[in-house]
C-alpha atoms as a PDB file:
ATOM      1  CA  MET A   1      19.933   5.424  14.633  1.00  0.00           C
ATOM      2  CA  LYS A   2      16.430   4.596  15.796  1.00  0.00           C
ATOM      3  CA  LYS A   3      15.874   1.667  18.142  1.00  0.00           C
ATOM      4  CA  MET A   4      14.427  -1.208  16.101  1.00  0.00           C
ATOM      5  CA  ILE A   5      12.041  -3.940  17.212  1.00  0.00           C
ATOM      6  CA  SER A   6      12.945  -7.591  16.740  1.00  0.00           C
ATOM      7  CA  ARG A   7      12.265  -9.350  13.454  1.00  0.00           C
ATOM      8  CA  ARG A   8       9.632 -11.550  15.121  1.00  0.00           C
ATOM      9  CA  SER A   9       7.805  -8.571  16.600  1.00  0.00           C
ATOM     10  CA  PHE A  10       7.890  -6.768  13.292  1.00  0.00           C
ATOM     11  CA  LEU A  11       6.499  -9.734  11.372  1.00  0.00           C
ATOM     12  CA  ALA A  12       3.653  -9.947  13.882  1.00  0.00           C
ATOM     13  CA  ALA A  13       2.916  -6.276  13.277  1.00  0.00           C
ATOM     14  CA  ALA A  14       3.352  -6.706   9.527  1.00  0.00           C
ATOM     15  CA  GLY A  15       0.816  -9.486   9.484  1.00  0.00           C
ATOM     16  CA  VAL A  16      -1.634  -7.131  11.129  1.00  0.00           C
ATOM     17  CA  SER A  17      -1.046  -4.059   9.049  1.00  0.00           C
ATOM     18  CA  ALA A  18       0.076  -5.679   5.811  1.00  0.00           C
ATOM     19  CA  ALA A  19      -0.230  -2.680   3.620  1.00  0.00           C
ATOM     20  CA  ALA A  20      -2.117  -0.312   5.791  1.00  0.00           C
ATOM     21  CA  LEU A  21      -3.786   2.885   4.762  1.00  0.00           C
ATOM     22  CA  ALA A  22      -2.742   6.448   4.183  1.00  0.00           C
ATOM     23  CA  LEU A  23      -2.478   8.916   7.023  1.00  0.00           C
ATOM     24  CA  THR A  24      -0.157  11.292   5.228  1.00  0.00           C
ATOM     25  CA  ALA A  25       1.240  11.749   1.749  1.00  0.00           C
ATOM     26  CA  CYS A  26       4.927  12.213   1.109  1.00  0.00           C
ATOM     27  CA  GLY A  27       5.729  15.842   0.475  1.00  0.00           C
ATOM     28  CA  GLY A  28       2.236  16.879   1.525  1.00  0.00           C
ATOM     29  CA  SER A  29       0.561  15.650  -1.659  1.00  0.00           C
ATOM     30  CA  SER A  30      -3.077  14.608  -1.387  1.00  0.00           C
ATOM     31  CA  SER A  31      -4.099  10.955  -1.676  1.00  0.00           C
ATOM     32  CA  SER A  32      -6.952   9.421  -3.607  1.00  0.00           C
ATOM     33  CA  THR A  33     -10.518   9.665  -2.319  1.00  0.00           C
ATOM     34  CA  ALA A  34     -10.617   5.997  -1.322  1.00  0.00           C
ATOM     35  CA  ALA A  35      -7.316   6.236   0.500  1.00  0.00           C
ATOM     36  CA  SER A  36      -8.260   9.458   2.273  1.00  0.00           C
ATOM     37  CA  THR A  37     -11.547   8.046   3.545  1.00  0.00           C
ATOM     38  CA  ALA A  38      -9.922   4.946   4.983  1.00  0.00           C
ATOM     39  CA  ALA A  39      -7.031   6.947   6.405  1.00  0.00           C
ATOM     40  CA  SER A  40      -9.407   9.018   8.506  1.00  0.00           C
ATOM     41  CA  THR A  41     -10.803   5.856  10.078  1.00  0.00           C
ATOM     42  CA  ALA A  42      -7.387   4.341  10.765  1.00  0.00           C
ATOM     43  CA  GLY A  43      -6.007   7.600  12.081  1.00  0.00           C
ATOM     44  CA  SER A  44      -8.808   8.163  14.583  1.00  0.00           C
ATOM     45  CA  THR A  45      -8.536   4.591  15.873  1.00  0.00           C
ATOM     46  CA  ALA A  46      -4.802   4.847  16.436  1.00  0.00           C
ATOM     47  CA  ALA A  47      -4.956   8.278  18.002  1.00  0.00           C
ATOM     48  CA  ALA A  48      -7.569   7.172  20.507  1.00  0.00           C
ATOM     49  CA  SER A  49      -5.254   4.733  22.264  1.00  0.00           C
ATOM     50  CA  GLY A  50      -2.311   7.086  22.758  1.00  0.00           C
ATOM     51  CA  ASP A  51      -0.056   4.050  22.603  1.00  0.00           C
ATOM     52  CA  THR A  52       0.730   2.889  19.087  1.00  0.00           C
ATOM     53  CA  ILE A  53       3.091   0.814  16.987  1.00  0.00           C
ATOM     54  CA  LYS A  54       4.208   2.917  14.040  1.00  0.00           C
ATOM     55  CA  VAL A  55       4.601   1.013  10.782  1.00  0.00           C
ATOM     56  CA  GLY A  56       5.481   2.649   7.470  1.00  0.00           C
ATOM     57  CA  VAL A  57       3.414   1.788   4.407  1.00  0.00           C
ATOM     58  CA  MET A  58       4.840   2.899   1.080  1.00  0.00           C
ATOM     59  CA  GLY A  59       3.424   2.650  -2.411  1.00  0.00           C
ATOM     60  CA  PRO A  60       2.405   4.584  -5.516  1.00  0.00           C
ATOM     61  CA  MET A  61      -0.933   6.182  -4.731  1.00  0.00           C
ATOM     62  CA  THR A  62      -0.695   8.416  -7.790  1.00  0.00           C
ATOM     63  CA  GLY A  63       1.024   8.004 -11.134  1.00  0.00           C
ATOM     64  CA  ASP A  64       1.184   5.268 -13.755  1.00  0.00           C
ATOM     65  CA  VAL A  65       1.376   2.299 -11.367  1.00  0.00           C
ATOM     66  CA  SER A  66      -1.015   3.560  -8.707  1.00  0.00           C
ATOM     67  CA  VAL A  67      -3.356   0.643  -9.412  1.00  0.00           C
ATOM     68  CA  TYR A  68      -0.849  -1.569  -7.588  1.00  0.00           C
ATOM     69  CA  GLY A  69      -0.178   0.787  -4.700  1.00  0.00           C
ATOM     70  CA  LEU A  70      -3.837   1.507  -4.003  1.00  0.00           C
ATOM     71  CA  ALA A  71      -4.666  -2.202  -4.097  1.00  0.00           C
ATOM     72  CA  VAL A  72      -2.103  -2.799  -1.348  1.00  0.00           C
ATOM     73  CA  ILE A  73      -3.157   0.226   0.674  1.00  0.00           C
ATOM     74  CA  ASN A  74      -6.916  -0.267   0.511  1.00  0.00           C
ATOM     75  CA  GLY A  75      -6.725  -4.004   1.147  1.00  0.00           C
ATOM     76  CA  ALA A  76      -4.528  -3.519   4.184  1.00  0.00           C
ATOM     77  CA  ASN A  77      -6.743  -0.921   5.732  1.00  0.00           C
ATOM     78  CA  LEU A  78      -9.667  -3.331   5.906  1.00  0.00           C
ATOM     79  CA  TYR A  79      -7.583  -5.703   8.003  1.00  0.00           C
ATOM     80  CA  LEU A  80      -5.974  -2.938  10.049  1.00  0.00           C
ATOM     81  CA  ASP A  81      -9.387  -1.673  11.182  1.00  0.00           C
ATOM     82  CA  GLN A  82     -10.416  -5.177  12.241  1.00  0.00           C
ATOM     83  CA  VAL A  83      -7.286  -5.744  14.336  1.00  0.00           C
ATOM     84  CA  ASN A  84      -7.424  -2.350  16.011  1.00  0.00           C
ATOM     85  CA  ALA A  85     -11.131  -2.891  16.749  1.00  0.00           C
ATOM     86  CA  ASN A  86     -10.192  -6.139  18.471  1.00  0.00           C
ATOM     87  CA  GLY A  87      -7.627  -4.515  20.747  1.00  0.00           C
ATOM     88  CA  GLY A  88      -4.568  -4.239  18.495  1.00  0.00           C
ATOM     89  CA  ILE A  89      -1.358  -6.084  19.365  1.00  0.00           C
ATOM     90  CA  ASN A  90      -0.688  -6.536  23.073  1.00  0.00           C
ATOM     91  CA  GLY A  91      -3.048  -3.655  23.728  1.00  0.00           C
ATOM     92  CA  LYS A  92      -1.319  -1.310  21.303  1.00  0.00           C
ATOM     93  CA  MET A  93      -2.942   0.123  18.188  1.00  0.00           C
ATOM     94  CA  ILE A  94      -1.205  -0.056  14.794  1.00  0.00           C
ATOM     95  CA  GLU A  95      -0.594   3.409  13.392  1.00  0.00           C
ATOM     96  CA  SER A  96       0.201   3.385   9.689  1.00  0.00           C
ATOM     97  CA  ILE A  97       2.352   6.167   8.325  1.00  0.00           C
ATOM     98  CA  THR A  98       1.659   5.908   4.612  1.00  0.00           C
ATOM     99  CA  MET A  99       3.391   7.888   1.899  1.00  0.00           C
ATOM    100  CA  ASP A 100       2.946   8.195  -1.842  1.00  0.00           C
ATOM    101  CA  GLU A 101       6.230   7.631  -3.705  1.00  0.00           C
ATOM    102  CA  GLN A 102       4.486   8.071  -7.095  1.00  0.00           C
ATOM    103  CA  GLY A 103       6.302   5.078  -8.578  1.00  0.00           C
ATOM    104  CA  ASP A 104       9.642   6.908  -8.473  1.00  0.00           C
ATOM    105  CA  ALA A 105      12.829   5.528  -6.891  1.00  0.00           C
ATOM    106  CA  THR A 106      14.193   8.894  -5.724  1.00  0.00           C
ATOM    107  CA  GLN A 107      10.863   9.844  -4.201  1.00  0.00           C
ATOM    108  CA  ALA A 108      10.690   6.444  -2.515  1.00  0.00           C
ATOM    109  CA  VAL A 109      14.009   6.972  -0.732  1.00  0.00           C
ATOM    110  CA  GLN A 110      12.907  10.430   0.390  1.00  0.00           C
ATOM    111  CA  CYS A 111       9.659   9.009   1.755  1.00  0.00           C
ATOM    112  CA  PHE A 112      11.530   6.252   3.574  1.00  0.00           C
ATOM    113  CA  THR A 113      13.866   8.656   5.369  1.00  0.00           C
ATOM    114  CA  LYS A 114      10.886  10.799   6.398  1.00  0.00           C
ATOM    115  CA  MET A 115       9.188   7.716   7.808  1.00  0.00           C
ATOM    116  CA  VAL A 116      12.305   6.856   9.815  1.00  0.00           C
ATOM    117  CA  ASP A 117      12.299  10.391  11.241  1.00  0.00           C
ATOM    118  CA  GLU A 118       8.668   9.884  12.269  1.00  0.00           C
ATOM    119  CA  GLY A 119       9.608   6.795  14.270  1.00  0.00           C
ATOM    120  CA  ILE A 120       8.518   3.778  12.262  1.00  0.00           C
ATOM    121  CA  VAL A 121       9.786   0.400  13.504  1.00  0.00           C
ATOM    122  CA  GLY A 122       9.220  -1.453  10.239  1.00  0.00           C
ATOM    123  CA  LEU A 123       8.139  -0.900   6.643  1.00  0.00           C
ATOM    124  CA  ILE A 124       5.501  -2.487   4.430  1.00  0.00           C
ATOM    125  CA  GLY A 125       6.729  -1.759   0.922  1.00  0.00           C
ATOM    126  CA  ASP A 126       7.705  -0.730  -1.549  1.00  0.00           C
ATOM    127  CA  VAL A 127       5.411  -2.078  -4.265  1.00  0.00           C
ATOM    128  CA  THR A 128       7.094  -2.117  -7.681  1.00  0.00           C
ATOM    129  CA  THR A 129      10.612  -3.349  -8.320  1.00  0.00           C
ATOM    130  CA  THR A 130      12.779  -0.310  -9.065  1.00  0.00           C
ATOM    131  CA  PRO A 131      11.672   1.833  -6.074  1.00  0.00           C
ATOM    132  CA  THR A 132      11.870  -1.218  -3.822  1.00  0.00           C
ATOM    133  CA  LEU A 133      15.486  -1.837  -4.832  1.00  0.00           C
ATOM    134  CA  ALA A 134      16.336   1.765  -3.934  1.00  0.00           C
ATOM    135  CA  VAL A 135      14.609   1.567  -0.549  1.00  0.00           C
ATOM    136  CA  ALA A 136      16.134  -1.837   0.229  1.00  0.00           C
ATOM    137  CA  ALA A 137      19.596  -0.365  -0.302  1.00  0.00           C
ATOM    138  CA  GLU A 138      18.791   2.627   1.907  1.00  0.00           C
ATOM    139  CA  SER A 139      17.313   0.423   4.628  1.00  0.00           C
ATOM    140  CA  GLN A 140      20.671  -1.244   5.247  1.00  0.00           C
ATOM    141  CA  ASP A 141      21.983   1.821   7.070  1.00  0.00           C
ATOM    142  CA  TYR A 142      19.103   1.598   9.568  1.00  0.00           C
ATOM    143  CA  ASN A 143      18.762  -2.199   9.710  1.00  0.00           C
ATOM    144  CA  MET A 144      15.088  -1.443   9.142  1.00  0.00           C
ATOM    145  CA  PRO A 145      12.870  -4.522   8.740  1.00  0.00           C
ATOM    146  CA  MET A 146      10.877  -4.247   5.519  1.00  0.00           C
ATOM    147  CA  VAL A 147       8.615  -6.559   3.536  1.00  0.00           C
ATOM    148  CA  THR A 148       7.328  -6.119  -0.005  1.00  0.00           C
ATOM    149  CA  ALA A 149       4.184  -7.772  -1.252  1.00  0.00           C
ATOM    150  CA  SER A 150       5.001  -7.494  -4.934  1.00  0.00           C
ATOM    151  CA  ALA A 151       8.576  -6.492  -5.891  1.00  0.00           C
ATOM    152  CA  THR A 152       9.873  -9.465  -7.869  1.00  0.00           C
ATOM    153  CA  ALA A 153      13.529  -8.721  -8.740  1.00  0.00           C
ATOM    154  CA  GLU A 154      15.921 -11.235  -7.215  1.00  0.00           C
ATOM    155  CA  ALA A 155      18.144  -8.351  -6.062  1.00  0.00           C
ATOM    156  CA  VAL A 156      15.444  -7.090  -3.668  1.00  0.00           C
ATOM    157  CA  THR A 157      16.539  -9.629  -1.061  1.00  0.00           C
ATOM    158  CA  TYR A 158      19.912 -10.770  -2.413  1.00  0.00           C
ATOM    159  CA  ASP A 159      23.183  -9.004  -3.268  1.00  0.00           C
ATOM    160  CA  ALA A 160      24.774 -11.056  -6.046  1.00  0.00           C
ATOM    161  CA  GLU A 161      28.091  -9.162  -5.908  1.00  0.00           C
ATOM    162  CA  THR A 162      28.728 -10.201  -2.315  1.00  0.00           C
ATOM    163  CA  ASP A 163      26.603 -13.384  -2.417  1.00  0.00           C
ATOM    164  CA  THR A 164      24.708 -12.059   0.584  1.00  0.00           C
ATOM    165  CA  VAL A 165      21.061 -12.429   1.546  1.00  0.00           C
ATOM    166  CA  TYR A 166      19.801  -9.265   3.231  1.00  0.00           C
ATOM    167  CA  GLU A 167      18.851  -9.908   6.862  1.00  0.00           C
ATOM    168  CA  ASN A 168      16.259  -7.144   7.057  1.00  0.00           C
ATOM    169  CA  VAL A 169      14.417  -7.418   3.708  1.00  0.00           C
ATOM    170  CA  PHE A 170      11.594  -9.871   3.043  1.00  0.00           C
ATOM    171  CA  ARG A 171       9.102 -10.497   0.270  1.00  0.00           C
ATOM    172  CA  ALA A 172       5.715 -12.221   0.024  1.00  0.00           C
ATOM    173  CA  THR A 173       5.738 -12.952  -3.698  1.00  0.00           C
ATOM    174  CA  PHE A 174       7.586 -14.855  -6.408  1.00  0.00           C
ATOM    175  CA  THR A 175      10.735 -13.618  -8.171  1.00  0.00           C
ATOM    176  CA  ASP A 176      11.487 -12.575 -11.742  1.00  0.00           C
ATOM    177  CA  PRO A 177      13.446 -15.790 -12.429  1.00  0.00           C
ATOM    178  CA  PHE A 178      10.469 -17.835 -11.232  1.00  0.00           C
ATOM    179  CA  GLN A 179       8.000 -15.951 -13.435  1.00  0.00           C
ATOM    180  CA  GLY A 180      10.172 -16.017 -16.541  1.00  0.00           C
ATOM    181  CA  ILE A 181      11.037 -19.685 -16.175  1.00  0.00           C
ATOM    182  CA  LYS A 182       7.477 -20.814 -15.447  1.00  0.00           C
ATOM    183  CA  MET A 183       6.065 -18.875 -18.410  1.00  0.00           C
ATOM    184  CA  ALA A 184       8.669 -20.433 -20.699  1.00  0.00           C
ATOM    185  CA  ASP A 185       7.752 -23.863 -19.346  1.00  0.00           C
ATOM    186  CA  TYR A 186       4.075 -23.114 -19.937  1.00  0.00           C
ATOM    187  CA  ALA A 187       4.649 -21.833 -23.462  1.00  0.00           C
ATOM    188  CA  TYR A 188       6.833 -24.739 -24.562  1.00  0.00           C
ATOM    189  CA  GLN A 189       5.530 -27.709 -22.603  1.00  0.00           C
ATOM    190  CA  LYS A 190       1.844 -26.896 -22.097  1.00  0.00           C
ATOM    191  CA  LEU A 191       0.981 -24.825 -25.181  1.00  0.00           C
ATOM    192  CA  GLY A 192       3.432 -26.548 -27.500  1.00  0.00           C
ATOM    193  CA  TYR A 193       5.094 -23.428 -28.919  1.00  0.00           C
ATOM    194  CA  THR A 194       8.599 -23.910 -30.304  1.00  0.00           C
ATOM    195  CA  LYS A 195       9.210 -20.416 -31.739  1.00  0.00           C
ATOM    196  CA  ALA A 196       8.822 -17.309 -29.604  1.00  0.00           C
ATOM    197  CA  ALA A 197       9.668 -13.622 -29.739  1.00  0.00           C
ATOM    198  CA  VAL A 198      10.130 -11.168 -26.864  1.00  0.00           C
ATOM    199  CA  ILE A 199       9.391  -7.445 -26.542  1.00  0.00           C
ATOM    200  CA  TYR A 200      10.303  -5.592 -23.353  1.00  0.00           C
ATOM    201  CA  LYS A 201      11.284  -2.204 -21.958  1.00  0.00           C
ATOM    202  CA  LYS A 202      15.036  -1.882 -21.691  1.00  0.00           C
ATOM    203  CA  GLY A 203      16.712  -0.431 -18.620  1.00  0.00           C
ATOM    204  CA  ALA A 204      13.963  -1.660 -16.261  1.00  0.00           C
ATOM    205  CA  ASP A 205      14.848  -4.368 -13.738  1.00  0.00           C
ATOM    206  CA  TYR A 206      11.419  -5.985 -13.797  1.00  0.00           C
ATOM    207  CA  ASN A 207      11.016  -6.150 -17.570  1.00  0.00           C
ATOM    208  CA  GLU A 208      14.580  -7.235 -18.300  1.00  0.00           C
ATOM    209  CA  GLY A 209      14.558  -9.815 -15.501  1.00  0.00           C
ATOM    210  CA  LEU A 210      11.494 -11.627 -16.823  1.00  0.00           C
ATOM    211  CA  ALA A 211      12.671 -11.411 -20.442  1.00  0.00           C
ATOM    212  CA  GLU A 212      16.127 -12.818 -19.704  1.00  0.00           C
ATOM    213  CA  ASN A 213      14.822 -15.776 -17.734  1.00  0.00           C
ATOM    214  CA  PHE A 214      12.122 -16.573 -20.278  1.00  0.00           C
ATOM    215  CA  VAL A 215      14.666 -16.584 -23.098  1.00  0.00           C
ATOM    216  CA  ASN A 216      17.158 -18.766 -21.216  1.00  0.00           C
ATOM    217  CA  GLU A 217      14.569 -21.334 -20.177  1.00  0.00           C
ATOM    218  CA  PHE A 218      12.757 -21.457 -23.513  1.00  0.00           C
ATOM    219  CA  GLU A 219      16.013 -22.145 -25.348  1.00  0.00           C
ATOM    220  CA  ALA A 220      17.112 -24.679 -22.726  1.00  0.00           C
ATOM    221  CA  LEU A 221      13.895 -26.605 -23.343  1.00  0.00           C
ATOM    222  CA  GLY A 222      14.655 -26.750 -27.058  1.00  0.00           C
ATOM    223  CA  GLY A 223      12.680 -23.777 -28.285  1.00  0.00           C
ATOM    224  CA  THR A 224      13.895 -20.997 -30.560  1.00  0.00           C
ATOM    225  CA  ILE A 225      13.765 -17.278 -29.778  1.00  0.00           C
ATOM    226  CA  VAL A 226      13.267 -15.835 -33.247  1.00  0.00           C
ATOM    227  CA  ASP A 227      13.529 -12.189 -32.172  1.00  0.00           C
ATOM    228  CA  GLU A 228      14.145  -9.962 -29.148  1.00  0.00           C
ATOM    229  CA  GLU A 229      12.894  -6.388 -29.397  1.00  0.00           C
ATOM    230  CA  SER A 230      13.116  -3.598 -26.826  1.00  0.00           C
ATOM    231  CA  TYR A 231      11.831  -0.073 -26.365  1.00  0.00           C
ATOM    232  CA  SER A 232      12.678   2.860 -24.107  1.00  0.00           C
ATOM    233  CA  ASP A 233      10.829   4.457 -21.227  1.00  0.00           C
ATOM    234  CA  GLY A 234       8.306   6.935 -22.566  1.00  0.00           C
ATOM    235  CA  ASP A 235       7.861   5.279 -25.954  1.00  0.00           C
ATOM    236  CA  VAL A 236       4.290   5.034 -27.209  1.00  0.00           C
ATOM    237  CA  ASP A 237       4.835   3.732 -30.747  1.00  0.00           C
ATOM    238  CA  TYR A 238       5.877   0.081 -30.944  1.00  0.00           C
ATOM    239  CA  LYS A 239       4.931  -0.649 -34.542  1.00  0.00           C
ATOM    240  CA  THR A 240       8.504  -0.866 -35.812  1.00  0.00           C
ATOM    241  CA  GLN A 241       9.403  -3.545 -33.266  1.00  0.00           C
ATOM    242  CA  LEU A 242       6.120  -5.394 -33.784  1.00  0.00           C
ATOM    243  CA  THR A 243       6.502  -5.372 -37.570  1.00  0.00           C
ATOM    244  CA  THR A 244       9.979  -6.831 -37.191  1.00  0.00           C
ATOM    245  CA  ILE A 245       8.624  -9.552 -34.920  1.00  0.00           C
ATOM    246  CA  LEU A 246       5.864 -10.309 -37.435  1.00  0.00           C
ATOM    247  CA  GLY A 247       8.472 -10.893 -40.122  1.00  0.00           C
ATOM    248  CA  LYS A 248      10.233 -13.509 -37.982  1.00  0.00           C
ATOM    249  CA  GLY A 249       7.168 -15.726 -37.761  1.00  0.00           C
ATOM    250  CA  PRO A 250       6.858 -16.497 -34.016  1.00  0.00           C
ATOM    251  CA  GLU A 251       4.107 -18.699 -32.634  1.00  0.00           C
ATOM    252  CA  THR A 252       3.855 -16.542 -29.522  1.00  0.00           C
ATOM    253  CA  VAL A 253       5.248 -13.285 -28.107  1.00  0.00           C
ATOM    254  CA  PHE A 254       6.402 -12.886 -24.509  1.00  0.00           C
ATOM    255  CA  CYS A 255       5.651  -9.335 -23.353  1.00  0.00           C
ATOM    256  CA  PRO A 256       6.856  -8.856 -19.746  1.00  0.00           C
ATOM    257  CA  ASN A 257       5.770  -5.261 -19.292  1.00  0.00           C
ATOM    258  CA  TYR A 258       3.317  -3.246 -17.213  1.00  0.00           C
ATOM    259  CA  TYR A 259      -0.332  -3.083 -18.176  1.00  0.00           C
ATOM    260  CA  GLN A 260      -0.370   0.481 -19.566  1.00  0.00           C
ATOM    261  CA  GLU A 261       2.232  -0.342 -22.202  1.00  0.00           C
ATOM    262  CA  VAL A 262       0.835  -3.829 -22.790  1.00  0.00           C
ATOM    263  CA  GLY A 263      -2.544  -2.345 -23.736  1.00  0.00           C
ATOM    264  CA  GLN A 264      -0.899  -0.167 -26.364  1.00  0.00           C
ATOM    265  CA  ILE A 265       1.352  -2.975 -27.607  1.00  0.00           C
ATOM    266  CA  LEU A 266      -1.561  -5.380 -28.088  1.00  0.00           C
ATOM    267  CA  SER A 267      -3.592  -2.793 -29.960  1.00  0.00           C
ATOM    268  CA  GLN A 268      -0.700  -1.911 -32.257  1.00  0.00           C
ATOM    269  CA  ALA A 269       0.180  -5.573 -32.777  1.00  0.00           C
ATOM    270  CA  GLU A 270      -3.291  -6.191 -34.143  1.00  0.00           C
ATOM    271  CA  SER A 271      -2.996  -3.174 -36.410  1.00  0.00           C
ATOM    272  CA  VAL A 272       0.169  -4.544 -38.080  1.00  0.00           C
ATOM    273  CA  GLY A 273      -1.264  -8.049 -38.416  1.00  0.00           C
ATOM    274  CA  LEU A 274       0.568  -9.703 -35.521  1.00  0.00           C
ATOM    275  CA  THR A 275      -2.236 -11.831 -34.119  1.00  0.00           C
ATOM    276  CA  VAL A 276      -0.356 -14.668 -32.379  1.00  0.00           C
ATOM    277  CA  PRO A 277      -0.994 -15.155 -28.638  1.00  0.00           C
ATOM    278  CA  PHE A 278       0.860 -12.799 -26.280  1.00  0.00           C
ATOM    279  CA  LEU A 279       2.070 -13.973 -22.872  1.00  0.00           C
ATOM    280  CA  GLY A 280       3.136 -11.880 -19.874  1.00  0.00           C
ATOM    281  CA  GLY A 281       3.779 -11.686 -16.149  1.00  0.00           C
ATOM    282  CA  ASP A 282       2.103 -10.159 -13.115  1.00  0.00           C
ATOM    283  CA  GLY A 283       2.548  -6.689 -14.604  1.00  0.00           C
ATOM    284  CA  TRP A 284      -0.464  -7.427 -16.793  1.00  0.00           C
ATOM    285  CA  ASP A 285      -2.709  -7.081 -13.754  1.00  0.00           C
ATOM    286  CA  GLY A 286      -5.023  -4.139 -14.442  1.00  0.00           C
ATOM    287  CA  LEU A 287      -5.116  -4.665 -18.207  1.00  0.00           C
ATOM    288  CA  GLU A 288      -8.875  -5.224 -18.330  1.00  0.00           C
ATOM    289  CA  ALA A 289      -9.432  -1.839 -16.706  1.00  0.00           C
ATOM    290  CA  MET A 290      -7.498  -0.010 -19.395  1.00  0.00           C
ATOM    291  CA  PRO A 291      -9.518   2.259 -21.725  1.00  0.00           C
ATOM    292  CA  PRO A 292      -9.422   1.414 -25.436  1.00  0.00           C
ATOM    293  CA  THR A 293      -6.157   2.411 -27.104  1.00  0.00           C
ATOM    294  CA  THR A 294      -5.712   3.982 -30.489  1.00  0.00           C
ATOM    295  CA  SER A 295      -3.349   2.706 -33.145  1.00  0.00           C
END
């Protein structure tokens, strides 16, 4: 097992490199143009000192959720360059070892073990919930400090079966229960809706977590969930579910899914005459950048 730095030292390094930029891609795959350009700058700065702190940075740089990974990576690199230009941490440069896990849990674990072999002392990542859960489980064997900026499942930092909070896993964002509950509060108390429907992707921790907590809170407040519809990974036609929802007469629809699917769902909802307001979670980020969808 690799020698690990203390939690305090890691958090100091994490604050510096909080989502640093790509130097390599997992499995030798190429990164995006923006990531590659910034990686060259970060790499040359770190190499010049000959004395670096290696921190892993993991996220989807390609694939369906790359908008989230690249946002983390590119944003971090701006700060990383500033800190290294100002002398680094205690005279040491931060060297980011960044890998593209393509939004896949298996790939994420493979990237993590490669990073450990390369000598990282802490990990920034992962980005989305399912890969982060896989990496968090793997990190226990190494007692590797890791922090995620965006994975929202409660299980990322807490094992419900053993009622244990992980000592090495941290997050800098809200949880699925928080999002689901607050959106239910907003829908019922602020917007005045008393009848709601839900449509979500089944088998996905993020989607199911938000949906469950929205339903529980909305009903606890006195509202009625008139329908709960689900779909499977890879589905592109949601008209059957949306038509069913339409027939139940909701005042709003909670749609806790990622932006690619949300864009299609909203377009198809309009095509079947379901024009009530839709509500969602942080997975909607990126929706405005989506190209027009076809019904």
